[in-house]
């Protein structure tokens, strides 16, 4: 059925049609496309403007196919119809060619609005050269065209070209002047911004706020506050700009004082305050602001999730994201990145997959930062194949994405693959950064490639624009130490140009434990005490070394020293995801889990199977001088074994059992896991504090080099 189009309406019908068109536009702006479409379909008479309003609404709400379909069904079109099409296609980067084609296909002479719609699309998506070309081709320009082009130069950081265009503008209104002022502020040219501000014949609240923000962004908070105090009029944006200035500078006390003094608390100000509290670790304060808010937007939820995530309230972050989704609130980029980071930290693959699906529904799979976080999530959840597929599908790749894959392969003990990605990266013309070299050197360390690691490190020192820092020297110490070159590693520390930090001494300490070098371990422990006097880590390691070589008296003295100093000692814990829940296990505390009875039976069953397979417990990994039976009992209840036992009970056959541990897996559990994987015909993926271990058919991916 052909829909009627009415250009000339009876005078009695015209007000009703105009009102209906306004309702369509209003509903579309509010995201209520069902209501907009229902209003359109209920109209007894429709004008071309009715179609144009609904087309614009479809584009605004990310429904370009529906918009194009309606455009094609229009009985007649006017210039506004084509302008709606151009403007809609200009909203998304990949449909810009369609916008240009729509402009070229207009049967009527295009207006300045037609050209400006495409110009705005080029500027929005960073195609400055195309924007300049189109701007010069325009048969006529108005002040909006000039202002859009001015914004393009400013966004690209071309301030001199922007100023030249600004000086050529026939009509410099307050919008153009404020845009130029903001551009100067963005690049730190505050003096020029202030001159422009002082020369403005007319200022509005936006101009004042832009100057205040400029001072704040460039660390001149006192000048920002003085200008804020003399503003003739303030609105919520002005208050929020001053608030954000304090937060960005880390002056959370001043920010809180200003926040409390605000006559009203708009959503943007509350969101900024929550971000500030989260950055300072004041999670309860952020939560209090969140709970007091009557109105919340996606930024509100994102700020609360971020506050939880960055302060390691991971379960709370998950719960908040689920609550947001349950309420039908569409996630934004920051909230997706935060929740992917949480999934990475907890290694909850199933929930990470759900977030990936949500990304596809929201078209977030085209954003490089979000996709980088997605790749990292799959890597840290042990699904390297999926990470590789996402990586290969995305273009263009940035350095963060390349680094994620290099580091991922390194953590999984796949040194050759990590080096291959590094080679592909250089062939693609992507310059490596400091993190790239950390990933590559780590890959060499975890796979014993001492010669290759030395060559890469030396080339970095001689040929790279990146100077080696403490992190790179730490990788080299780890590389040499793992290979048994402990004395050489110590020499490197003594002669390197940077001061050794706790990470470097910790790497040496780990090598000493691996190769049972008590003499150098004592030196490293002494250095670590100076750097981290409250940490028990080095003394626990030293106690392990003493135990492994039978120095029980020294080990006992070390334990007493730890107790007497009340040092912080990390308790070993492991966790596994099952049925959308994270199940936590603590070493030695088997009774804490509600299903401990069946877990105990599985552990006993595994003990019997291990003994039949020739397993013999390695008591050197027990810190106390106790009899062999007690040592076996102690090792049986290490947290990773509890988690694997639970996984055997719950995870369906054919699926890998994925376990995470907060500390380095002990040698005895490593040996046991290989056998458990073999006798149960299951693949076990264990992520400890350092790397991944894939146990299958009696072997580990690390090839026992860890």
Foldseek 3Di string as FASTA:
>chain_A
DQADADDDDDPVCVVVQVVLLVVLLVCLVVVNLVVSVVSLVPDPYHHLSSLLSSLLSCLSNPNNVVSVVSLVSDPDHDLSSLLSNLLSLLVDDVSLVVSVVSLVPDPDPHDQSSLQSSLLSCLVVLVLVVNVVSLVVDPDHDVSSLQSNLLSCLVVLNLVVSVVSCVVHPDCDQSSLLSNLLSCLVVPVLVVSVVSLVPDPDYDQSSLQSNLLSCLVNVNLVVSVVSLVPDPDYDPSSLQSNLLSCLVVLVLVVSVVSCVVDPDQDQSSLLSNLLSCLVVLNLVVNVVSLVPDPDYALSSLLSNLSSCQVNVVLVVSVVSVVVCVVVVHQHDQSSLLSNLSSCLVLLPVVVLVVSVVSCVVVVVLQPQSNLLSSLLNCLSNPNNVVSVVSLVVHPPHAQSSLLSNLQSCLQQLNLVVSVVSVVVCVVVVHAHEPSSLLSNLSSCQLQLVLVVNVVSLVCCCPPNPYHDDLSNLLSNLLSCLLNVNLVVNVVCQVPPPYHHALSSLVSSLVSCLVVLPLVVLVVSLVVNCVRPVQALVSLVSSLLSCLLVVVLVVSVVSVVVCVVSVHDDDWKKKWFDDPNDIDIATQPPLVPDPPSVQLVVLLVVLVVQCVVVVQDADLSRPSHPDDRVVSVVRVSRRNVNSQVSVCVVGPDPPDEGEMEMAADDDPRVVQSLLSVQQVVVHWYWYHYNRHIWIHHNSATSSRPSD
